[in-house]
Each structure stands twice: as structure tokens, then as C-alpha cells.
Amino acid sequence: MIAKNNPGNIRYNPAFRGCIGVTKGFCNFSSPGYGYRAILVLLTTYYNKYGLNTIRKIINRYAPPSENKTETYITNTVRYSGFGPDEILEEKDLIKLIPAIVRQENSILITVPEVQALINSANNSGTIALSALSVIIATYIIYQFIK
């Protein structure tokens, strides 16, 4: 079990979907899916906003030397992901880094398909809630016309 559903040990930011609180500066997520989704959102932001497109660049930002053994983190991410430290990644490759990050942060083994399924569950939970709300509203409107 991952503490506070935060498999990437992501710092608190209330903007992350599913972030319900903070413990010692780290996000508490309402479900594991939101924790995995937050890692992907963070990696995608690094990639698109800051141009960080290699493991070396990404991990230097994700796990800075001021707080981590960054070179060891890079070495392990390379070993667990199969990408070279300076290999240019495509955006679609970012999800493949998540199992390596989770293994480094929490010593938990997870596969890319499992990560994808958890992220999908987080992405779909809002859709299900909106669908249920739509049914409730539609029922209420119909009831108003019937009575």
C-alpha cells in the first residue's frame, strides 16, 4: 500500500485532480488512480512546458540533487524503463517512466498496463459522477412536468 495514494511522492499542489490534503508537504490523493495520474500530468508538464525530453532532464527536475541522490535515481530509471539517460523521448513514452519512478520512490513493482488502468479509472471517475448527476437532473425535470 502506498501512503496517501501518492506513488510518486509528489509535493502538495491543490490543483492536482483528486488531491484531498497534505501530509508533510506531500499530496494526499483520494485514490491510487489520482496519484498515478498526477505523475503523468507532472511529466507531461515537464515535457511540454519546459522541454524536458530525456530521463536525465526529467529526473533532475523531478528529484533534484538538493533533495535526492539524483544520479542514482537516473541510473535506476534508465535500468527500469529501458531508455537511455539522454535518449530523446516522445510524449507517449512518458507513461513508461512511471513504473520506474514508483519503483524508485516506493520499491513497488507495477507495469505500464496497470498504471494505464489506474489512470483511466481516475479519468473516468469524474465522467461517471457527471453521468449520474445528469440522470438526477433529467429525472427532476421530468418529475416537474409530470406533477
N, C-alpha and C. Protein backbone atom coordinates (compact mmCIF):
# COMPACT_ATOMS: atom_id res chain seq x y z
N MET A 1 0.84 -1.19 0.00
CA MET A 1 0.00 0.00 0.00
C MET A 1 0.88 1.24 0.00
N ILE A 2 0.54 2.18 -0.82
CA ILE A 2 1.30 3.42 -0.94
C ILE A 2 0.66 4.48 -0.05
N ALA A 3 1.49 5.11 0.77
CA ALA A 3 0.98 6.11 1.70
C ALA A 3 0.26 7.22 0.96
N LYS A 4 -0.93 7.55 1.43
CA LYS A 4 -1.73 8.68 0.94
C LYS A 4 -2.00 8.61 -0.57
N ASN A 5 -1.94 7.39 -1.14
CA ASN A 5 -2.20 7.18 -2.57
C ASN A 5 -1.30 8.04 -3.45
N ASN A 6 -0.07 8.28 -2.99
CA ASN A 6 0.87 9.15 -3.70
C ASN A 6 2.11 8.35 -4.10
N PRO A 7 2.01 7.55 -5.18
CA PRO A 7 3.10 6.65 -5.57
C PRO A 7 4.36 7.36 -6.07
N GLY A 8 4.23 8.62 -6.44
CA GLY A 8 5.39 9.37 -6.94
C GLY A 8 5.95 10.33 -5.92
N ASN A 9 5.41 10.29 -4.69
CA ASN A 9 5.83 11.24 -3.64
C ASN A 9 5.83 12.67 -4.17
N ILE A 10 4.70 13.07 -4.70
CA ILE A 10 4.54 14.39 -5.32
C ILE A 10 4.22 15.42 -4.25
N ARG A 11 4.90 16.54 -4.35
CA ARG A 11 4.68 17.65 -3.41
C ARG A 11 3.25 18.17 -3.55
N TYR A 12 2.74 18.73 -2.48
CA TYR A 12 1.37 19.22 -2.43
C TYR A 12 1.13 20.33 -3.45
N ASN A 13 0.07 20.16 -4.19
CA ASN A 13 -0.44 21.18 -5.09
C ASN A 13 -1.94 20.91 -5.22
N PRO A 14 -2.76 21.80 -4.66
CA PRO A 14 -4.21 21.54 -4.68
C PRO A 14 -4.80 21.49 -6.09
N ALA A 15 -4.03 21.90 -7.10
CA ALA A 15 -4.53 21.86 -8.47
C ALA A 15 -4.59 20.44 -9.03
N PHE A 16 -3.87 19.50 -8.42
CA PHE A 16 -3.93 18.12 -8.90
C PHE A 16 -5.31 17.56 -8.64
N ARG A 17 -5.92 17.00 -9.67
CA ARG A 17 -7.23 16.37 -9.52
C ARG A 17 -7.11 15.22 -8.51
N GLY A 18 -8.02 15.16 -7.59
CA GLY A 18 -8.03 14.10 -6.59
C GLY A 18 -7.18 14.38 -5.37
N CYS A 19 -6.49 15.53 -5.34
CA CYS A 19 -5.69 15.89 -4.17
C CYS A 19 -6.64 16.38 -3.08
N ILE A 20 -6.64 15.67 -1.95
CA ILE A 20 -7.61 15.98 -0.89
C ILE A 20 -6.96 16.51 0.38
N GLY A 21 -5.67 16.71 0.35
CA GLY A 21 -5.00 17.22 1.54
C GLY A 21 -3.50 17.12 1.41
N VAL A 22 -2.83 17.38 2.51
CA VAL A 22 -1.37 17.42 2.52
C VAL A 22 -0.86 16.79 3.81
N THR A 23 0.23 16.04 3.70
CA THR A 23 0.93 15.48 4.84
C THR A 23 2.41 15.72 4.65
N LYS A 24 3.00 16.49 5.55
CA LYS A 24 4.44 16.79 5.50
C LYS A 24 4.86 17.30 4.13
N GLY A 25 4.03 18.12 3.51
CA GLY A 25 4.36 18.74 2.23
C GLY A 25 4.02 17.92 1.00
N PHE A 26 3.46 16.73 1.18
CA PHE A 26 3.14 15.87 0.04
C PHE A 26 1.63 15.71 -0.11
N CYS A 27 1.19 15.59 -1.37
CA CYS A 27 -0.23 15.43 -1.68
C CYS A 27 -0.80 14.15 -1.10
N ASN A 28 -2.01 14.24 -0.62
CA ASN A 28 -2.82 13.07 -0.29
C ASN A 28 -3.86 12.96 -1.39
N PHE A 29 -3.88 11.83 -2.08
CA PHE A 29 -4.84 11.64 -3.16
C PHE A 29 -5.98 10.76 -2.68
N SER A 30 -7.16 10.99 -3.23
CA SER A 30 -8.35 10.25 -2.82
C SER A 30 -8.34 8.80 -3.31
N SER A 31 -7.54 8.50 -4.32
CA SER A 31 -7.44 7.13 -4.82
C SER A 31 -6.08 6.94 -5.46
N PRO A 32 -5.63 5.69 -5.61
CA PRO A 32 -4.36 5.45 -6.28
C PRO A 32 -4.35 5.99 -7.72
N GLY A 33 -5.47 5.88 -8.40
CA GLY A 33 -5.55 6.36 -9.78
C GLY A 33 -5.17 7.82 -9.90
N TYR A 34 -5.65 8.64 -8.96
CA TYR A 34 -5.31 10.06 -8.99
C TYR A 34 -3.82 10.28 -8.73
N GLY A 35 -3.24 9.45 -7.89
CA GLY A 35 -1.80 9.57 -7.64
C GLY A 35 -0.98 9.26 -8.89
N TYR A 36 -1.36 8.20 -9.59
CA TYR A 36 -0.65 7.84 -10.83
C TYR A 36 -0.91 8.89 -11.91
N ARG A 37 -2.12 9.37 -11.97
CA ARG A 37 -2.47 10.41 -12.95
C ARG A 37 -1.62 11.66 -12.70
N ALA A 38 -1.40 12.01 -11.44
CA ALA A 38 -0.61 13.20 -11.11
C ALA A 38 0.83 13.07 -11.60
N ILE A 39 1.39 11.86 -11.51
CA ILE A 39 2.75 11.67 -12.03
C ILE A 39 2.76 11.96 -13.53
N LEU A 40 1.80 11.40 -14.25
CA LEU A 40 1.76 11.61 -15.70
C LEU A 40 1.54 13.08 -16.04
N VAL A 41 0.67 13.76 -15.31
CA VAL A 41 0.44 15.19 -15.54
C VAL A 41 1.73 15.97 -15.31
N LEU A 42 2.45 15.64 -14.25
CA LEU A 42 3.70 16.33 -13.95
C LEU A 42 4.74 16.08 -15.04
N LEU A 43 4.91 14.83 -15.46
CA LEU A 43 5.87 14.51 -16.51
C LEU A 43 5.50 15.19 -17.82
N THR A 44 4.22 15.23 -18.13
CA THR A 44 3.75 15.87 -19.36
C THR A 44 4.00 17.37 -19.31
N THR A 45 3.83 17.97 -18.15
CA THR A 45 4.13 19.40 -17.99
C THR A 45 5.61 19.65 -18.19
N TYR A 46 6.44 18.82 -17.59
CA TYR A 46 7.90 18.96 -17.79
C TYR A 46 8.23 18.89 -19.28
N TYR A 47 7.61 17.96 -19.95
CA TYR A 47 7.90 17.72 -21.37
C TYR A 47 7.43 18.89 -22.24
N ASN A 48 6.19 19.29 -22.08
CA ASN A 48 5.60 20.31 -22.96
C ASN A 48 5.95 21.74 -22.57
N LYS A 49 5.97 22.03 -21.30
CA LYS A 49 6.20 23.41 -20.86
C LYS A 49 7.69 23.76 -20.75
N TYR A 50 8.48 22.79 -20.29
CA TYR A 50 9.90 23.07 -20.02
C TYR A 50 10.85 22.39 -21.00
N GLY A 51 10.31 21.59 -21.93
CA GLY A 51 11.16 20.94 -22.93
C GLY A 51 12.04 19.84 -22.37
N LEU A 52 11.68 19.28 -21.24
CA LEU A 52 12.47 18.21 -20.63
C LEU A 52 12.10 16.90 -21.31
N ASN A 53 12.98 16.42 -22.17
CA ASN A 53 12.64 15.30 -23.04
C ASN A 53 13.59 14.11 -22.93
N THR A 54 14.39 14.07 -21.87
CA THR A 54 15.24 12.91 -21.60
C THR A 54 15.07 12.53 -20.13
N ILE A 55 15.44 11.31 -19.82
CA ILE A 55 15.37 10.88 -18.42
C ILE A 55 16.23 11.78 -17.56
N ARG A 56 17.43 12.09 -18.02
CA ARG A 56 18.33 12.94 -17.23
C ARG A 56 17.69 14.29 -16.91
N LYS A 57 17.12 14.93 -17.91
CA LYS A 57 16.50 16.24 -17.70
C LYS A 57 15.27 16.13 -16.80
N ILE A 58 14.44 15.14 -17.05
CA ILE A 58 13.21 14.96 -16.28
C ILE A 58 13.52 14.67 -14.81
N ILE A 59 14.41 13.73 -14.56
CA ILE A 59 14.69 13.33 -13.18
C ILE A 59 15.44 14.43 -12.43
N ASN A 60 16.26 15.20 -13.11
CA ASN A 60 16.93 16.33 -12.43
C ASN A 60 15.91 17.33 -11.89
N ARG A 61 14.78 17.44 -12.56
CA ARG A 61 13.72 18.33 -12.08
C ARG A 61 12.81 17.60 -11.08
N TYR A 62 12.46 16.37 -11.39
CA TYR A 62 11.55 15.60 -10.55
C TYR A 62 12.16 15.29 -9.19
N ALA A 63 13.43 14.93 -9.18
CA ALA A 63 14.13 14.55 -7.95
C ALA A 63 15.45 15.32 -7.88
N PRO A 64 15.39 16.61 -7.59
CA PRO A 64 16.59 17.46 -7.65
C PRO A 64 17.68 17.04 -6.65
N PRO A 65 18.93 17.29 -7.01
CA PRO A 65 20.06 16.91 -6.15
C PRO A 65 20.00 17.51 -4.75
N SER A 66 19.30 18.60 -4.58
CA SER A 66 19.19 19.20 -3.24
C SER A 66 18.37 18.33 -2.29
N GLU A 67 17.60 17.39 -2.84
CA GLU A 67 16.74 16.55 -2.01
C GLU A 67 16.96 15.05 -2.21
N ASN A 68 17.69 14.68 -3.26
CA ASN A 68 17.78 13.27 -3.65
C ASN A 68 19.19 12.92 -4.13
N LYS A 69 19.42 11.61 -4.24
CA LYS A 69 20.61 11.11 -4.92
C LYS A 69 20.22 10.99 -6.38
N THR A 70 20.25 12.12 -7.07
CA THR A 70 19.68 12.22 -8.42
C THR A 70 20.37 11.30 -9.41
N GLU A 71 21.69 11.19 -9.36
CA GLU A 71 22.39 10.32 -10.31
C GLU A 71 21.98 8.85 -10.13
N THR A 72 21.79 8.43 -8.90
CA THR A 72 21.31 7.08 -8.64
C THR A 72 19.88 6.92 -9.17
N TYR A 73 19.07 7.93 -8.97
CA TYR A 73 17.69 7.92 -9.45
C TYR A 73 17.68 7.80 -10.98
N ILE A 74 18.53 8.56 -11.64
CA ILE A 74 18.62 8.49 -13.12
C ILE A 74 19.05 7.09 -13.54
N THR A 75 20.09 6.56 -12.90
CA THR A 75 20.59 5.22 -13.23
C THR A 75 19.49 4.17 -13.08
N ASN A 76 18.75 4.25 -11.98
CA ASN A 76 17.67 3.28 -11.76
C ASN A 76 16.52 3.47 -12.74
N THR A 77 16.19 4.70 -13.07
CA THR A 77 15.11 4.96 -14.04
C THR A 77 15.49 4.42 -15.41
N VAL A 78 16.75 4.59 -15.79
CA VAL A 78 17.24 4.03 -17.05
C VAL A 78 17.13 2.50 -17.02
N ARG A 79 17.58 1.90 -15.92
CA ARG A 79 17.56 0.43 -15.80
C ARG A 79 16.13 -0.10 -15.85
N TYR A 80 15.21 0.55 -15.15
CA TYR A 80 13.84 0.04 -15.05
C TYR A 80 12.97 0.38 -16.26
N SER A 81 13.33 1.44 -17.00
CA SER A 81 12.49 1.86 -18.13
C SER A 81 12.98 1.34 -19.47
N GLY A 82 14.29 1.10 -19.59
CA GLY A 82 14.85 0.65 -20.86
C GLY A 82 15.28 1.78 -21.78
N PHE A 83 15.05 3.02 -21.40
CA PHE A 83 15.50 4.16 -22.19
C PHE A 83 16.89 4.59 -21.72
N GLY A 84 17.66 5.18 -22.64
CA GLY A 84 18.96 5.72 -22.26
C GLY A 84 18.79 7.03 -21.51
N PRO A 85 19.80 7.43 -20.72
CA PRO A 85 19.67 8.64 -19.91
C PRO A 85 19.49 9.91 -20.74
N ASP A 86 20.07 9.93 -21.94
CA ASP A 86 19.99 11.11 -22.78
C ASP A 86 19.22 10.85 -24.08
N GLU A 87 18.52 9.73 -24.12
CA GLU A 87 17.68 9.40 -25.28
C GLU A 87 16.50 10.37 -25.31
N ILE A 88 16.24 10.92 -26.50
CA ILE A 88 15.11 11.83 -26.65
C ILE A 88 13.82 11.01 -26.62
N LEU A 89 12.95 11.38 -25.70
CA LEU A 89 11.68 10.67 -25.52
C LEU A 89 10.58 11.37 -26.30
N GLU A 90 9.59 10.61 -26.69
CA GLU A 90 8.37 11.18 -27.24
C GLU A 90 7.37 11.30 -26.10
N GLU A 91 6.39 12.15 -26.26
CA GLU A 91 5.40 12.34 -25.19
C GLU A 91 4.74 11.03 -24.80
N LYS A 92 4.49 10.16 -25.78
CA LYS A 92 3.83 8.88 -25.49
C LYS A 92 4.70 7.95 -24.64
N ASP A 93 6.02 8.24 -24.56
CA ASP A 93 6.92 7.43 -23.75
C ASP A 93 6.85 7.75 -22.26
N LEU A 94 6.29 8.89 -21.91
CA LEU A 94 6.32 9.35 -20.52
C LEU A 94 5.66 8.36 -19.56
N ILE A 95 4.57 7.76 -19.98
CA ILE A 95 3.88 6.80 -19.11
C ILE A 95 4.79 5.62 -18.78
N LYS A 96 5.72 5.32 -19.67
CA LYS A 96 6.64 4.20 -19.46
C LYS A 96 7.66 4.49 -18.38
N LEU A 97 7.80 5.74 -17.99
CA LEU A 97 8.72 6.10 -16.91
C LEU A 97 8.07 5.91 -15.53
N ILE A 98 6.76 5.89 -15.49
CA ILE A 98 6.06 5.84 -14.21
C ILE A 98 6.39 4.60 -13.38
N PRO A 99 6.40 3.39 -13.97
CA PRO A 99 6.79 2.23 -13.14
C PRO A 99 8.20 2.39 -12.55
N ALA A 100 9.11 2.97 -13.29
CA ALA A 100 10.47 3.17 -12.78
C ALA A 100 10.48 4.18 -11.63
N ILE A 101 9.70 5.24 -11.76
CA ILE A 101 9.62 6.26 -10.70
C ILE A 101 9.00 5.66 -9.44
N VAL A 102 7.93 4.91 -9.61
CA VAL A 102 7.25 4.29 -8.46
C VAL A 102 8.17 3.27 -7.78
N ARG A 103 8.90 2.54 -8.58
CA ARG A 103 9.85 1.57 -8.01
C ARG A 103 10.93 2.30 -7.22
N GLN A 104 11.43 3.40 -7.75
CA GLN A 104 12.46 4.17 -7.07
C GLN A 104 11.91 4.80 -5.78
N GLU A 105 10.73 5.35 -5.85
CA GLU A 105 10.14 6.07 -4.72
C GLU A 105 9.60 5.15 -3.63
N ASN A 106 9.03 4.00 -4.04
CA ASN A 106 8.31 3.15 -3.08
C ASN A 106 8.66 1.68 -3.12
N SER A 107 9.62 1.29 -3.95
CA SER A 107 10.01 -0.13 -4.09
C SER A 107 8.82 -1.02 -4.45
N ILE A 108 7.89 -0.46 -5.24
CA ILE A 108 6.72 -1.21 -5.67
C ILE A 108 6.84 -1.49 -7.16
N LEU A 109 6.58 -2.74 -7.53
CA LEU A 109 6.63 -3.13 -8.93
C LEU A 109 5.23 -2.99 -9.52
N ILE A 110 5.15 -2.28 -10.63
CA ILE A 110 3.89 -2.09 -11.34
C ILE A 110 4.22 -2.04 -12.83
N THR A 111 3.30 -2.50 -13.64
CA THR A 111 3.52 -2.50 -15.09
C THR A 111 2.86 -1.28 -15.73
N VAL A 112 3.27 -0.98 -16.94
CA VAL A 112 2.65 0.12 -17.68
C VAL A 112 1.15 -0.12 -17.87
N PRO A 113 0.69 -1.34 -18.26
CA PRO A 113 -0.76 -1.54 -18.38
C PRO A 113 -1.50 -1.31 -17.06
N GLU A 114 -0.90 -1.69 -15.94
CA GLU A 114 -1.54 -1.45 -14.65
C GLU A 114 -1.62 0.05 -14.36
N VAL A 115 -0.54 0.77 -14.67
CA VAL A 115 -0.54 2.23 -14.50
C VAL A 115 -1.63 2.85 -15.36
N GLN A 116 -1.71 2.42 -16.62
CA GLN A 116 -2.71 2.97 -17.54
C GLN A 116 -4.12 2.71 -17.02
N ALA A 117 -4.36 1.52 -16.50
CA ALA A 117 -5.69 1.19 -15.97
C ALA A 117 -6.03 2.08 -14.77
N LEU A 118 -5.07 2.33 -13.90
CA LEU A 118 -5.31 3.19 -12.75
C LEU A 118 -5.59 4.63 -13.18
N ILE A 119 -4.82 5.12 -14.15
CA ILE A 119 -5.04 6.47 -14.66
C ILE A 119 -6.41 6.57 -15.32
N ASN A 120 -6.77 5.55 -16.08
CA ASN A 120 -8.10 5.53 -16.72
C ASN A 120 -9.20 5.56 -15.68
N SER A 121 -9.01 4.83 -14.58
CA SER A 121 -10.04 4.82 -13.53
C SER A 121 -10.21 6.22 -12.94
N ALA A 122 -9.11 6.94 -12.77
CA ALA A 122 -9.19 8.32 -12.25
C ALA A 122 -9.85 9.24 -13.27
N ASN A 123 -9.47 9.11 -14.52
CA ASN A 123 -10.05 9.96 -15.56
C ASN A 123 -11.54 9.70 -15.74
N ASN A 124 -11.95 8.46 -15.58
CA ASN A 124 -13.35 8.11 -15.79
C ASN A 124 -14.23 8.36 -14.58
N SER A 125 -13.64 8.49 -13.40
CA SER A 125 -14.46 8.67 -12.20
C SER A 125 -15.25 9.97 -12.26
N GLY A 126 -14.66 11.02 -12.79
CA GLY A 126 -15.39 12.28 -12.94
C GLY A 126 -16.50 12.16 -13.97
N THR A 127 -16.25 11.41 -15.02
CA THR A 127 -17.25 11.20 -16.06
C THR A 127 -18.45 10.44 -15.51
N ILE A 128 -18.19 9.44 -14.69
CA ILE A 128 -19.27 8.66 -14.10
C ILE A 128 -20.11 9.55 -13.17
N ALA A 129 -19.42 10.39 -12.39
CA ALA A 129 -20.14 11.29 -11.49
C ALA A 129 -21.00 12.27 -12.28
N LEU A 130 -20.46 12.79 -13.37
CA LEU A 130 -21.25 13.71 -14.19
C LEU A 130 -22.42 13.01 -14.84
N SER A 131 -22.22 11.76 -15.26
CA SER A 131 -23.33 11.00 -15.84
C SER A 131 -24.43 10.79 -14.82
N ALA A 132 -24.07 10.44 -13.59
CA ALA A 132 -25.06 10.25 -12.54
C ALA A 132 -25.80 11.55 -12.25
N LEU A 133 -25.07 12.65 -12.22
CA LEU A 133 -25.68 13.96 -12.00
C LEU A 133 -26.66 14.29 -13.12
N SER A 134 -26.29 13.98 -14.34
CA SER A 134 -27.17 14.22 -15.48
C SER A 134 -28.47 13.44 -15.34
N VAL A 135 -28.39 12.19 -14.89
CA VAL A 135 -29.59 11.37 -14.70
C VAL A 135 -30.47 11.98 -13.62
N ILE A 136 -29.86 12.43 -12.54
CA ILE A 136 -30.63 13.05 -11.44
C ILE A 136 -31.34 14.31 -11.92
N ILE A 137 -30.62 15.15 -12.66
CA ILE A 137 -31.22 16.39 -13.16
C ILE A 137 -32.35 16.09 -14.15
N ALA A 138 -32.12 15.14 -15.04
CA ALA A 138 -33.15 14.77 -16.02
C ALA A 138 -34.38 14.22 -15.31
N THR A 139 -34.17 13.39 -14.30
CA THR A 139 -35.29 12.83 -13.55
C THR A 139 -36.08 13.94 -12.86
N TYR A 140 -35.37 14.89 -12.28
CA TYR A 140 -36.02 16.01 -11.61
C TYR A 140 -36.85 16.83 -12.60
N ILE A 141 -36.31 17.12 -13.76
CA ILE A 141 -37.02 17.91 -14.77
C ILE A 141 -38.27 17.17 -15.24
N ILE A 142 -38.13 15.89 -15.50
CA ILE A 142 -39.30 15.09 -15.93
C ILE A 142 -40.35 15.09 -14.83
N TYR A 143 -39.92 14.90 -13.59
CA TYR A 143 -40.85 14.91 -12.46
C TYR A 143 -41.62 16.23 -12.39
N GLN A 144 -40.95 17.34 -12.65
CA GLN A 144 -41.59 18.65 -12.61
C GLN A 144 -42.70 18.78 -13.66
N PHE A 145 -42.50 18.14 -14.82
CA PHE A 145 -43.50 18.19 -15.86
C PHE A 145 -44.67 17.23 -15.60
N ILE A 146 -44.41 16.16 -14.90
CA ILE A 146 -45.44 15.16 -14.64
C ILE A 146 -46.37 15.60 -13.53
N LYS A 147 -45.88 16.24 -12.53
CA LYS A 147 -46.73 16.54 -11.36
C LYS A 147 -47.71 17.62 -11.58
